[in-house]
């Protein structure tokens, strides 16, 4: 014979399991209905130099064949190529990035060149100490 300790504890367990089950169904249903597709483009552990960080998002348009002079940014951060193809020279290494790619810029001396036939665009997300 099955013994149930108390009706109150059984009711609590049943209510908790029902809530967990229903919340799981709603989350799956919402994702299926919207067609949401989440992709991590870049992940980097970062030790911040200060508890106060100034963040900037900057959109830069590069005309065909444009090359920046050697320069630095106030801080490091991810960079996202919106369109075109860019050659980035930083720290003595050259890399080429195309639309949809993300790279990490250190904030060191660098140069960027649009090596594609059309205009290119870059989103800079910069993390710099507050001045």
Protein backbone atom coordinates (compact mmCIF):
# COMPACT_ATOMS: atom_id res chain seq x y z
CA UNK A 1 0.00 0.00 0.00
CA UNK A 2 1.31 3.48 -0.97
CA UNK A 3 1.51 5.97 1.87
CA UNK A 4 1.54 9.72 1.21
CA UNK A 5 3.14 11.63 4.11
CA UNK A 6 0.85 14.69 3.99
CA UNK A 7 -1.45 16.28 1.51
CA UNK A 8 0.30 19.67 1.89
CA UNK A 9 3.75 18.36 0.88
CA UNK A 10 2.29 16.34 -2.00
CA UNK A 11 0.42 19.40 -3.25
CA UNK A 12 3.58 21.51 -3.06
CA UNK A 13 5.62 18.92 -4.97
CA UNK A 14 2.89 18.54 -7.60
CA UNK A 15 2.58 22.32 -8.03
CA UNK A 16 6.38 22.73 -8.33
CA UNK A 17 6.72 19.93 -10.91
CA UNK A 18 3.79 21.31 -12.91
CA UNK A 19 5.30 24.82 -12.93
CA UNK A 20 8.69 23.49 -14.04
CA UNK A 21 7.10 21.38 -16.76
CA UNK A 22 4.96 24.22 -18.09
CA UNK A 23 7.79 26.78 -18.03
CA UNK A 24 9.91 24.37 -20.09
CA UNK A 25 7.14 23.97 -22.65
CA UNK A 26 6.62 27.74 -22.95
CA UNK A 27 10.35 28.39 -23.49
CA UNK A 28 10.59 25.79 -26.23
CA UNK A 29 7.37 26.98 -27.87
CA UNK A 30 8.50 30.63 -27.88
CA UNK A 31 11.81 29.72 -29.52
CA UNK A 32 10.08 27.56 -32.14
CA UNK A 33 7.50 30.24 -32.97
CA UNK A 34 9.98 33.10 -33.44
CA UNK A 35 12.64 31.09 -35.26
CA UNK A 36 15.23 32.78 -33.04
CA UNK A 37 18.76 31.70 -33.88
CA UNK A 38 21.45 32.71 -31.36
CA UNK A 39 25.12 32.32 -32.31
CA UNK A 40 28.12 33.35 -30.21
CA UNK A 41 30.45 35.17 -32.60
CA UNK A 42 33.27 35.84 -30.16
CA UNK A 43 33.92 35.04 -26.52
CA UNK A 44 36.89 36.37 -24.59
CA UNK A 45 37.67 36.48 -20.90
CA UNK A 46 38.83 39.96 -20.01
CA UNK A 47 40.44 41.42 -16.92
CA UNK A 48 39.37 45.03 -16.71
CA UNK A 49 41.98 47.62 -15.80
CA UNK A 50 39.41 49.66 -13.92
CA UNK A 51 35.97 49.10 -12.38
CA UNK A 52 34.79 52.10 -14.41
CA UNK A 53 34.83 51.41 -18.13
CA UNK A 54 33.65 53.73 -20.88
CA UNK A 55 32.12 51.74 -23.75
CA UNK A 56 31.69 53.00 -27.29
CA UNK A 57 30.13 51.53 -30.41
CA UNK A 58 31.51 53.16 -33.52
CA UNK A 59 30.51 52.46 -37.14
CA UNK A 60 33.31 53.09 -39.63
CA UNK A 61 32.83 53.19 -43.43
CA UNK A 62 35.86 52.45 -45.62
CA UNK A 63 35.77 53.53 -49.28
CA UNK A 64 37.25 51.05 -51.78
CA UNK A 65 41.08 50.77 -51.47
CA UNK A 66 41.15 53.05 -48.38
CA UNK A 67 43.95 52.37 -45.88
CA UNK A 68 44.14 53.98 -42.46
CA UNK A 69 47.37 55.45 -41.17
CA UNK A 70 48.98 53.62 -38.24
CA UNK A 71 46.87 54.36 -35.18
CA UNK A 72 45.59 53.12 -31.82
CA UNK A 73 42.19 53.10 -30.14
CA UNK A 74 41.46 54.08 -26.55
CA UNK A 75 40.76 50.49 -25.62
CA UNK A 76 40.48 46.90 -26.77
CA UNK A 77 37.30 45.16 -27.83
CA UNK A 78 35.48 43.12 -30.44
CA UNK A 79 35.16 44.37 -34.00
CA UNK A 80 32.42 43.19 -36.39
CA UNK A 81 32.73 43.45 -40.17
CA UNK A 82 29.32 44.51 -41.48
CA UNK A 83 30.24 44.39 -45.17
CA UNK A 84 33.28 44.15 -47.39
CA UNK A 85 36.74 42.70 -46.71
CA UNK A 86 39.30 44.31 -44.42
CA UNK A 87 42.99 43.56 -43.92
CA UNK A 88 44.02 44.31 -40.34
CA UNK A 89 47.67 44.61 -39.32
CA UNK A 90 48.17 44.65 -35.56
CA UNK A 91 51.08 43.48 -33.45
CA UNK A 92 53.08 42.56 -36.56
CA UNK A 93 50.41 40.13 -37.77
CA UNK A 94 48.15 40.59 -40.79
CA UNK A 95 44.69 39.03 -40.94
CA UNK A 96 41.85 39.45 -43.42
CA UNK A 97 38.23 39.56 -42.27
CA UNK A 98 35.07 39.45 -44.39
CA UNK A 99 31.45 40.44 -43.75
CA UNK A 100 29.97 38.60 -40.79
CA UNK A 101 33.31 37.94 -39.11
CA UNK A 102 34.35 39.21 -35.69
CA UNK A 103 37.85 39.78 -34.37
CA UNK A 104 39.41 41.07 -31.16
CA UNK A 105 41.47 44.23 -31.33
CA UNK A 106 43.98 44.74 -28.51
CA UNK A 107 44.28 48.53 -28.73
CA UNK A 108 47.90 48.30 -29.94
CA UNK A 109 49.31 50.16 -32.96
CA UNK A 110 47.42 49.03 -36.06
CA UNK A 111 46.36 49.71 -39.64
CA UNK A 112 43.20 48.67 -41.52
CA UNK A 113 42.81 48.46 -45.30
CA UNK A 114 39.74 47.84 -47.42
CA UNK A 115 41.01 45.11 -49.76
CA UNK A 116 37.64 44.45 -51.43
CA UNK A 117 36.25 45.99 -54.61
CA UNK A 118 33.36 47.75 -52.81
CA UNK A 119 32.93 49.88 -49.70
CA UNK A 120 33.41 48.13 -46.35
CA UNK A 121 31.89 48.79 -42.93
CA UNK A 122 33.14 47.91 -39.47
CA UNK A 123 31.49 48.15 -36.04
CA UNK A 124 34.00 48.89 -33.28
CA UNK A 125 32.98 48.07 -29.71
CA UNK A 126 35.58 49.75 -27.54
CA UNK A 127 36.25 49.23 -23.81
CA UNK A 128 38.34 52.04 -22.32
CA UNK A 129 39.00 53.25 -18.77
CA UNK A 130 36.96 56.31 -17.80
CA UNK A 131 39.10 59.45 -17.92
